[in-house]
């Protein structure tokens, strides 16, 4: 069901009108003043991105600007941005960022022989 945008020739205001049938196109009136002299406008449209195009946009080097690989918060912000782009639930990322961190040194959890 398309939504068309119109500009009224009388009051110069815009109206967005849901068109349910082709017959309704002939009886469109301004929602503000009731005038039938409307000019149909070109509207913007959106199209969902494919998963492939989402991954391509994430691989753009511009998305990595400001990334400090040694800063866990910087990496977490990048991961949160990537998760949102891919439609994943990243709400627990904020909780991880709020947890206290050690002095930044990597801890070796392997056993020594």
N, C-alpha and C. Protein backbone atom coordinates (compact mmCIF):
# COMPACT_ATOMS: atom_id res chain seq x y z
N UNK A 1 0.84 -1.17 0.00
CA UNK A 1 0.00 0.00 0.00
C UNK A 1 0.89 1.24 0.00
N UNK A 2 0.89 1.99 -1.07
CA UNK A 2 1.77 3.15 -1.14
C UNK A 2 1.23 4.35 -0.37
N UNK A 3 2.15 5.12 0.16
CA UNK A 3 1.84 6.40 0.78
C UNK A 3 2.41 7.45 -0.16
N UNK A 4 1.54 8.31 -0.66
CA UNK A 4 1.96 9.37 -1.58
C UNK A 4 2.03 10.68 -0.83
N UNK A 5 2.96 11.53 -1.25
CA UNK A 5 3.07 12.87 -0.68
C UNK A 5 2.57 13.88 -1.70
N UNK A 6 1.82 14.85 -1.20
CA UNK A 6 1.24 15.88 -2.05
C UNK A 6 1.54 17.25 -1.47
N UNK A 7 1.61 18.25 -2.36
CA UNK A 7 1.72 19.64 -1.95
C UNK A 7 0.44 20.33 -2.39
N UNK A 8 -0.20 21.01 -1.46
CA UNK A 8 -1.45 21.70 -1.76
C UNK A 8 -1.16 23.00 -2.49
N UNK A 9 -1.87 23.25 -3.61
CA UNK A 9 -1.68 24.48 -4.39
C UNK A 9 -2.36 25.68 -3.72
N UNK A 10 -3.21 25.43 -2.74
CA UNK A 10 -3.94 26.50 -2.05
C UNK A 10 -3.20 26.96 -0.79
N UNK A 11 -2.90 26.02 0.12
CA UNK A 11 -2.27 26.39 1.40
C UNK A 11 -0.77 26.10 1.44
N UNK A 12 -0.23 25.50 0.39
CA UNK A 12 1.21 25.19 0.27
C UNK A 12 1.73 24.26 1.37
N UNK A 13 0.89 23.46 1.95
CA UNK A 13 1.32 22.50 2.96
C UNK A 13 1.41 21.12 2.35
N UNK A 14 2.25 20.29 2.99
CA UNK A 14 2.44 18.91 2.52
C UNK A 14 1.48 17.98 3.24
N UNK A 15 1.06 16.96 2.51
CA UNK A 15 0.23 15.90 3.08
C UNK A 15 0.75 14.56 2.63
N UNK A 16 0.81 13.61 3.53
CA UNK A 16 1.13 12.22 3.20
C UNK A 16 -0.17 11.45 3.27
N UNK A 17 -0.52 10.79 2.17
CA UNK A 17 -1.82 10.14 2.09
C UNK A 17 -1.64 8.69 1.69
N UNK A 18 -2.24 7.79 2.47
CA UNK A 18 -2.24 6.36 2.18
C UNK A 18 -3.28 6.09 1.11
N UNK A 19 -2.86 5.48 0.02
CA UNK A 19 -3.76 5.17 -1.09
C UNK A 19 -4.05 3.67 -1.09
N UNK A 20 -5.29 3.32 -0.84
CA UNK A 20 -5.68 1.91 -0.75
C UNK A 20 -6.19 1.35 -2.08
N UNK A 21 -6.63 2.23 -2.99
CA UNK A 21 -7.13 1.76 -4.28
C UNK A 21 -6.86 2.82 -5.35
N UNK A 22 -6.88 2.40 -6.61
CA UNK A 22 -6.64 3.31 -7.72
C UNK A 22 -7.74 4.37 -7.82
N UNK A 23 -8.97 4.04 -7.44
CA UNK A 23 -10.08 4.99 -7.48
C UNK A 23 -9.86 6.13 -6.49
N UNK A 24 -9.16 5.86 -5.42
CA UNK A 24 -8.91 6.87 -4.40
C UNK A 24 -7.99 7.98 -4.91
N UNK A 25 -7.17 7.69 -5.92
CA UNK A 25 -6.26 8.69 -6.49
C UNK A 25 -7.01 9.90 -7.04
N UNK A 26 -8.24 9.68 -7.54
CA UNK A 26 -9.03 10.75 -8.14
C UNK A 26 -9.72 11.63 -7.11
N UNK A 27 -9.81 11.18 -5.87
CA UNK A 27 -10.55 11.93 -4.85
C UNK A 27 -9.68 12.40 -3.69
N UNK A 28 -8.40 12.60 -3.96
CA UNK A 28 -7.48 13.03 -2.92
C UNK A 28 -7.66 14.52 -2.65
N UNK A 29 -7.75 14.88 -1.36
CA UNK A 29 -7.88 16.28 -0.97
C UNK A 29 -6.85 16.59 0.12
N UNK A 30 -6.54 17.86 0.25
CA UNK A 30 -5.58 18.32 1.25
C UNK A 30 -6.15 18.07 2.65
N UNK A 31 -5.35 17.50 3.50
CA UNK A 31 -5.79 17.22 4.87
C UNK A 31 -5.88 18.49 5.71
N UNK A 32 -5.29 19.56 5.24
CA UNK A 32 -5.25 20.79 6.02
C UNK A 32 -6.38 21.76 5.65
N UNK A 33 -6.62 21.93 4.35
CA UNK A 33 -7.63 22.91 3.93
C UNK A 33 -8.77 22.29 3.12
N UNK A 34 -8.65 21.02 2.71
CA UNK A 34 -9.70 20.35 1.97
C UNK A 34 -9.69 20.61 0.47
N UNK A 35 -8.73 21.36 -0.02
CA UNK A 35 -8.63 21.67 -1.45
C UNK A 35 -8.25 20.42 -2.23
N UNK A 36 -8.78 20.30 -3.46
CA UNK A 36 -8.47 19.14 -4.29
C UNK A 36 -7.35 19.43 -5.29
N UNK A 37 -6.82 20.65 -5.33
CA UNK A 37 -5.71 21.00 -6.23
C UNK A 37 -4.40 20.64 -5.56
N UNK A 38 -3.99 19.40 -5.74
CA UNK A 38 -2.77 18.88 -5.13
C UNK A 38 -1.77 18.50 -6.21
N UNK A 39 -0.51 18.70 -5.90
CA UNK A 39 0.56 18.28 -6.79
C UNK A 39 1.29 17.13 -6.11
N UNK A 40 1.38 16.01 -6.82
CA UNK A 40 2.06 14.85 -6.26
C UNK A 40 3.57 15.08 -6.28
N UNK A 41 4.23 14.79 -5.15
CA UNK A 41 5.65 15.00 -5.00
C UNK A 41 6.41 13.69 -5.11
N UNK A 42 7.66 13.79 -5.49
CA UNK A 42 8.52 12.62 -5.48
C UNK A 42 8.94 12.37 -4.03
N UNK A 43 8.77 11.17 -3.59
CA UNK A 43 9.10 10.81 -2.22
C UNK A 43 10.37 10.00 -2.17
N UNK A 44 11.04 10.05 -1.03
CA UNK A 44 12.18 9.16 -0.83
C UNK A 44 11.64 7.77 -0.54
N UNK A 45 12.42 6.79 -0.84
CA UNK A 45 12.02 5.43 -0.54
C UNK A 45 13.20 4.73 0.10
N UNK A 46 12.93 3.65 0.76
CA UNK A 46 14.02 2.88 1.36
C UNK A 46 13.88 1.43 0.94
N UNK A 47 15.01 0.79 0.87
CA UNK A 47 15.04 -0.63 0.54
C UNK A 47 15.94 -1.31 1.56
N UNK A 48 15.52 -2.45 2.04
CA UNK A 48 16.37 -3.14 3.02
C UNK A 48 17.67 -3.61 2.39
N UNK A 49 18.74 -3.55 3.19
CA UNK A 49 20.04 -4.02 2.71
C UNK A 49 20.12 -5.53 2.82
N UNK A 50 20.81 -6.13 1.88
CA UNK A 50 21.07 -7.56 1.98
C UNK A 50 22.17 -7.77 3.01
N UNK A 51 22.29 -8.99 3.50
CA UNK A 51 23.33 -9.29 4.47
C UNK A 51 24.71 -9.04 3.87
N UNK A 52 24.85 -9.34 2.60
CA UNK A 52 26.13 -9.14 1.91
C UNK A 52 26.50 -7.66 1.88
N UNK A 53 25.53 -6.78 1.57
CA UNK A 53 25.84 -5.36 1.52
C UNK A 53 26.11 -4.80 2.91
N UNK A 54 25.47 -5.36 3.94
CA UNK A 54 25.76 -4.94 5.32
C UNK A 54 27.20 -5.27 5.68
N UNK A 55 27.63 -6.49 5.32
CA UNK A 55 29.00 -6.89 5.61
C UNK A 55 30.01 -6.04 4.84
N UNK A 56 29.68 -5.70 3.59
CA UNK A 56 30.58 -4.85 2.80
C UNK A 56 30.72 -3.47 3.43
N UNK A 57 29.62 -2.91 3.91
CA UNK A 57 29.70 -1.59 4.52
C UNK A 57 30.48 -1.62 5.83
N UNK A 58 30.41 -2.73 6.56
CA UNK A 58 31.18 -2.85 7.80
C UNK A 58 32.67 -3.00 7.52
N UNK A 59 33.02 -3.52 6.35
CA UNK A 59 34.43 -3.70 6.00
C UNK A 59 35.07 -2.42 5.50
N UNK A 60 34.28 -1.37 5.33
CA UNK A 60 34.81 -0.09 4.87
C UNK A 60 35.80 0.46 5.91
N UNK A 61 37.01 0.80 5.49
CA UNK A 61 38.01 1.31 6.43
C UNK A 61 37.55 2.56 7.19
N UNK A 62 36.64 3.32 6.63
CA UNK A 62 36.13 4.51 7.33
C UNK A 62 35.43 4.14 8.63
N UNK A 63 34.86 2.94 8.70
CA UNK A 63 34.19 2.49 9.92
C UNK A 63 35.17 2.16 11.03
N UNK A 64 36.43 2.00 10.68
CA UNK A 64 37.44 1.64 11.67
C UNK A 64 38.21 2.85 12.18
N UNK A 65 37.89 4.04 11.69
CA UNK A 65 38.60 5.22 12.16
C UNK A 65 38.29 5.44 13.64
N UNK A 66 39.31 5.80 14.38
CA UNK A 66 39.14 6.04 15.81
C UNK A 66 39.19 4.78 16.65
N UNK A 67 39.44 3.64 16.03
CA UNK A 67 39.50 2.38 16.78
C UNK A 67 40.88 2.25 17.43
N UNK A 68 40.88 2.04 18.73
CA UNK A 68 42.11 1.79 19.47
C UNK A 68 42.04 0.34 19.92
N UNK A 69 42.78 -0.53 19.25
CA UNK A 69 42.72 -1.96 19.53
C UNK A 69 43.15 -2.32 20.94
N UNK A 70 43.90 -1.45 21.60
CA UNK A 70 44.34 -1.74 22.96
C UNK A 70 43.35 -1.25 24.02
N UNK A 71 42.29 -0.56 23.57
CA UNK A 71 41.26 -0.06 24.49
C UNK A 71 40.01 -0.93 24.38
N UNK A 72 39.68 -1.68 25.45
CA UNK A 72 38.50 -2.55 25.39
C UNK A 72 37.21 -1.79 25.09
N UNK A 73 37.09 -0.57 25.59
CA UNK A 73 35.87 0.21 25.34
C UNK A 73 35.75 0.59 23.87
N UNK A 74 36.86 0.91 23.24
CA UNK A 74 36.85 1.25 21.82
C UNK A 74 36.43 0.05 20.98
N UNK A 75 36.97 -1.11 21.31
CA UNK A 75 36.61 -2.34 20.60
C UNK A 75 35.15 -2.68 20.84
N UNK A 76 34.69 -2.49 22.09
CA UNK A 76 33.29 -2.79 22.42
C UNK A 76 32.34 -1.88 21.64
N UNK A 77 32.71 -0.61 21.49
CA UNK A 77 31.87 0.32 20.70
C UNK A 77 31.77 -0.15 19.25
N UNK A 78 32.90 -0.60 18.69
CA UNK A 78 32.89 -1.11 17.32
C UNK A 78 32.00 -2.35 17.22
N UNK A 79 32.14 -3.26 18.18
CA UNK A 79 31.33 -4.49 18.15
C UNK A 79 29.84 -4.16 18.29
N UNK A 80 29.52 -3.18 19.13
CA UNK A 80 28.12 -2.78 19.30
C UNK A 80 27.58 -2.20 17.99
N UNK A 81 28.38 -1.37 17.33
CA UNK A 81 27.97 -0.80 16.04
C UNK A 81 27.75 -1.90 15.01
N UNK A 82 28.66 -2.87 14.96
CA UNK A 82 28.54 -3.97 14.01
C UNK A 82 27.31 -4.82 14.33
N UNK A 83 27.06 -5.07 15.59
CA UNK A 83 25.90 -5.85 15.98
C UNK A 83 24.60 -5.18 15.59
N UNK A 84 24.52 -3.87 15.80
CA UNK A 84 23.31 -3.14 15.41
C UNK A 84 23.10 -3.21 13.91
N UNK A 85 24.18 -3.04 13.16
CA UNK A 85 24.10 -3.09 11.70
C UNK A 85 23.59 -4.44 11.21
N UNK A 86 23.98 -5.50 11.88
CA UNK A 86 23.58 -6.85 11.48
C UNK A 86 22.25 -7.28 12.09
N UNK A 87 21.65 -6.41 12.93
CA UNK A 87 20.35 -6.71 13.51
C UNK A 87 20.43 -7.64 14.70
N UNK A 88 21.59 -7.70 15.34
CA UNK A 88 21.77 -8.55 16.51
C UNK A 88 21.44 -7.77 17.77
N UNK A 89 21.03 -8.48 18.83
CA UNK A 89 20.77 -7.87 20.13
C UNK A 89 22.10 -7.64 20.82
N UNK A 90 22.46 -6.39 21.01
CA UNK A 90 23.73 -6.05 21.64
C UNK A 90 23.51 -5.32 22.96
N UNK A 91 22.35 -5.50 23.57
CA UNK A 91 22.04 -4.78 24.80
C UNK A 91 22.97 -5.17 25.94
N UNK A 92 23.50 -6.39 25.96
CA UNK A 92 24.40 -6.79 27.04
C UNK A 92 25.79 -6.19 26.89
N UNK A 93 26.07 -5.55 25.76
CA UNK A 93 27.37 -4.92 25.54
C UNK A 93 27.56 -3.77 26.53
N UNK A 94 26.50 -3.01 26.83
CA UNK A 94 26.60 -1.91 27.79
C UNK A 94 26.97 -2.43 29.17
N UNK A 95 26.38 -3.56 29.56
CA UNK A 95 26.69 -4.14 30.86
C UNK A 95 28.15 -4.56 30.93
N UNK A 96 28.68 -5.09 29.84
CA UNK A 96 30.08 -5.49 29.83
C UNK A 96 30.99 -4.27 29.93
N UNK A 97 30.59 -3.17 29.32
CA UNK A 97 31.40 -1.96 29.39
C UNK A 97 31.43 -1.37 30.79
N UNK A 98 30.37 -1.58 31.55
CA UNK A 98 30.30 -1.03 32.90
C UNK A 98 31.06 -1.85 33.92
N UNK A 99 31.44 -3.06 33.57
CA UNK A 99 32.18 -3.90 34.50
C UNK A 99 33.58 -3.33 34.71
N UNK A 100 34.10 -3.42 35.95
CA UNK A 100 35.46 -2.92 36.17
C UNK A 100 36.47 -3.77 35.42
N UNK A 101 37.48 -3.11 34.88
CA UNK A 101 38.54 -3.79 34.14
C UNK A 101 39.82 -3.72 34.94
N UNK A 102 40.71 -4.66 34.67
CA UNK A 102 42.01 -4.60 35.34
C UNK A 102 42.86 -3.52 34.69
N UNK A 103 44.12 -3.50 34.92
CA UNK A 103 44.99 -2.44 34.42
C UNK A 103 45.28 -2.54 32.93
N UNK A 104 44.62 -3.44 32.23
CA UNK A 104 44.77 -3.55 30.79
C UNK A 104 45.76 -4.60 30.35
N UNK A 105 46.50 -5.17 31.29
CA UNK A 105 47.45 -6.21 30.90
C UNK A 105 46.72 -7.52 30.68
N UNK A 106 47.16 -8.23 29.70
CA UNK A 106 46.56 -9.55 29.42
C UNK A 106 46.96 -10.52 30.52
N UNK A 107 46.03 -11.32 30.94
CA UNK A 107 46.30 -12.33 31.96
C UNK A 107 46.46 -13.67 31.29
N UNK A 108 47.51 -14.37 31.59
CA UNK A 108 47.76 -15.69 31.02
C UNK A 108 47.12 -16.73 31.93
N UNK A 109 46.11 -17.43 31.44
CA UNK A 109 45.41 -18.42 32.25
C UNK A 109 45.88 -19.84 31.94
N UNK A 110 46.97 -19.97 31.21
CA UNK A 110 47.46 -21.31 30.90
C UNK A 110 48.32 -21.81 32.05
N UNK A 111 48.32 -23.09 32.22
CA UNK A 111 49.16 -23.71 33.27
C UNK A 111 50.57 -23.84 32.80
N UNK A 112 51.52 -23.56 33.70
CA UNK A 112 52.93 -23.73 33.38
C UNK A 112 53.35 -25.13 33.76
N UNK A 113 54.18 -25.74 32.96
CA UNK A 113 54.66 -27.08 33.26
C UNK A 113 56.03 -27.04 33.82
